């Protein structure tokens, strides 16, 4: 049984184009064009509520720490 499997794999490995997808002319398929990634300005325009909280723009803490008891604190004004 092993010999049969080895023979089948060998035949496919030695056959040119056995695993490649080609069209009638034999050329490989063309890669589809990827859409451009949106910039942060585009995302802000599409989802303004993601970047504001109660009308105040989100500003991350410039220096946050975690105490040994697991509590978080912000050291500084954002």
C-alpha atoms as a PDB file:
ATOM      1  CA  UNK A   1       0.000   0.000   0.000  1.00  0.00           C
ATOM      2  CA  UNK A   2       2.847   2.355   0.819  1.00  0.00           C
ATOM      3  CA  UNK A   3       4.458   1.617  -2.525  1.00  0.00           C
ATOM      4  CA  UNK A   4       1.237   2.566  -4.325  1.00  0.00           C
ATOM      5  CA  UNK A   5       1.008   5.864  -2.451  1.00  0.00           C
ATOM      6  CA  UNK A   6       4.665   6.690  -3.139  1.00  0.00           C
ATOM      7  CA  UNK A   7       4.161   5.905  -6.839  1.00  0.00           C
ATOM      8  CA  UNK A   8       1.061   8.131  -7.042  1.00  0.00           C
ATOM      9  CA  UNK A   9       2.804  11.041  -5.328  1.00  0.00           C
ATOM     10  CA  UNK A  10       5.847  10.617  -7.578  1.00  0.00           C
ATOM     11  CA  UNK A  11       3.696  10.736 -10.718  1.00  0.00           C
ATOM     12  CA  UNK A  12       2.046  13.983  -9.612  1.00  0.00           C
ATOM     13  CA  UNK A  13       5.380  15.492  -8.600  1.00  0.00           C
ATOM     14  CA  UNK A  14       6.949  14.707 -11.958  1.00  0.00           C
ATOM     15  CA  UNK A  15       3.990  15.890 -14.058  1.00  0.00           C
ATOM     16  CA  UNK A  16       4.565  19.539 -15.029  1.00  0.00           C
ATOM     17  CA  UNK A  17       1.651  21.768 -14.135  1.00  0.00           C
ATOM     18  CA  UNK A  18      -0.102  19.090 -12.079  1.00  0.00           C
ATOM     19  CA  UNK A  19      -0.695  21.456  -9.195  1.00  0.00           C
ATOM     20  CA  UNK A  20      -0.650  24.835 -10.991  1.00  0.00           C
ATOM     21  CA  UNK A  21      -3.877  26.447 -12.125  1.00  0.00           C
ATOM     22  CA  UNK A  22      -3.626  27.592 -15.722  1.00  0.00           C
ATOM     23  CA  UNK A  23      -6.070  28.772 -18.342  1.00  0.00           C
ATOM     24  CA  UNK A  24      -6.293  27.540 -21.951  1.00  0.00           C
ATOM     25  CA  UNK A  25      -3.173  29.456 -23.049  1.00  0.00           C
ATOM     26  CA  UNK A  26      -1.104  28.048 -20.199  1.00  0.00           C
ATOM     27  CA  UNK A  27      -0.513  31.357 -18.416  1.00  0.00           C
ATOM     28  CA  UNK A  28      -0.776  31.478 -14.621  1.00  0.00           C
ATOM     29  CA  UNK A  29      -3.785  33.284 -13.104  1.00  0.00           C
ATOM     30  CA  UNK A  30      -3.415  37.001 -12.455  1.00  0.00           C
ATOM     31  CA  UNK A  31      -3.558  38.258  -8.876  1.00  0.00           C
ATOM     32  CA  UNK A  32      -6.613  40.349  -8.055  1.00  0.00           C
ATOM     33  CA  UNK A  33      -5.934  44.005  -7.258  1.00  0.00           C
ATOM     34  CA  UNK A  34      -6.196  44.712  -3.540  1.00  0.00           C
ATOM     35  CA  UNK A  35      -8.278  47.718  -2.472  1.00  0.00           C
ATOM     36  CA  UNK A  36      -6.309  50.567  -0.950  1.00  0.00           C
ATOM     37  CA  UNK A  37      -6.137  50.655   2.838  1.00  0.00           C
ATOM     38  CA  UNK A  38      -8.148  53.536   4.325  1.00  0.00           C
ATOM     39  CA  UNK A  39      -6.206  56.225   6.135  1.00  0.00           C
ATOM     40  CA  UNK A  40      -7.021  57.286   9.680  1.00  0.00           C
ATOM     41  CA  UNK A  41      -8.682  60.446   8.334  1.00  0.00           C
ATOM     42  CA  UNK A  42     -11.027  58.282   6.242  1.00  0.00           C
ATOM     43  CA  UNK A  43     -11.900  56.194   9.287  1.00  0.00           C
ATOM     44  CA  UNK A  44     -12.510  59.286  11.448  1.00  0.00           C
ATOM     45  CA  UNK A  45     -14.889  60.636   8.798  1.00  0.00           C
ATOM     46  CA  UNK A  46     -16.750  57.314   8.589  1.00  0.00           C
ATOM     47  CA  UNK A  47     -16.908  56.675  12.365  1.00  0.00           C
ATOM     48  CA  UNK A  48     -16.548  59.950  14.309  1.00  0.00           C
ATOM     49  CA  UNK A  49     -18.093  58.449  17.470  1.00  0.00           C
ATOM     50  CA  UNK A  50     -15.164  56.012  17.768  1.00  0.00           C
ATOM     51  CA  UNK A  51     -12.814  58.892  18.549  1.00  0.00           C
ATOM     52  CA  UNK A  52     -14.941  60.961  20.923  1.00  0.00           C
ATOM     53  CA  UNK A  53     -16.504  60.332  24.313  1.00  0.00           C
ATOM     54  CA  UNK A  54     -19.295  62.688  25.382  1.00  0.00           C
ATOM     55  CA  UNK A  55     -18.168  65.188  22.753  1.00  0.00           C
ATOM     56  CA  UNK A  56     -14.552  65.201  24.011  1.00  0.00           C
ATOM     57  CA  UNK A  57     -11.885  63.783  21.679  1.00  0.00           C
ATOM     58  CA  UNK A  58     -10.168  60.654  22.979  1.00  0.00           C
ATOM     59  CA  UNK A  59      -6.607  61.238  24.188  1.00  0.00           C
ATOM     60  CA  UNK A  60      -4.699  58.263  25.598  1.00  0.00           C
ATOM     61  CA  UNK A  61      -2.828  58.580  28.877  1.00  0.00           C
ATOM     62  CA  UNK A  62       0.806  59.603  28.244  1.00  0.00           C
ATOM     63  CA  UNK A  63       2.100  57.506  31.157  1.00  0.00           C
ATOM     64  CA  UNK A  64       0.040  54.761  32.777  1.00  0.00           C
ATOM     65  CA  UNK A  65       1.185  52.337  35.459  1.00  0.00           C
ATOM     66  CA  UNK A  66      -0.171  49.174  37.086  1.00  0.00           C
ATOM     67  CA  UNK A  67       0.181  48.828  40.862  1.00  0.00           C
ATOM     68  CA  UNK A  68       0.990  45.487  42.562  1.00  0.00           C
ATOM     69  CA  UNK A  69      -2.672  45.102  43.589  1.00  0.00           C
ATOM     70  CA  UNK A  70      -3.717  45.219  39.890  1.00  0.00           C
ATOM     71  CA  UNK A  71      -5.158  48.739  39.800  1.00  0.00           C
ATOM     72  CA  UNK A  72      -4.281  51.063  36.934  1.00  0.00           C
ATOM     73  CA  UNK A  73      -3.416  54.756  37.200  1.00  0.00           C
ATOM     74  CA  UNK A  74      -2.625  57.538  34.759  1.00  0.00           C
ATOM     75  CA  UNK A  75       0.413  59.627  35.684  1.00  0.00           C
ATOM     76  CA  UNK A  76      -0.071  62.831  33.781  1.00  0.00           C
ATOM     77  CA  UNK A  77      -2.711  64.810  31.986  1.00  0.00           C
ATOM     78  CA  UNK A  78      -3.696  63.497  28.599  1.00  0.00           C
END
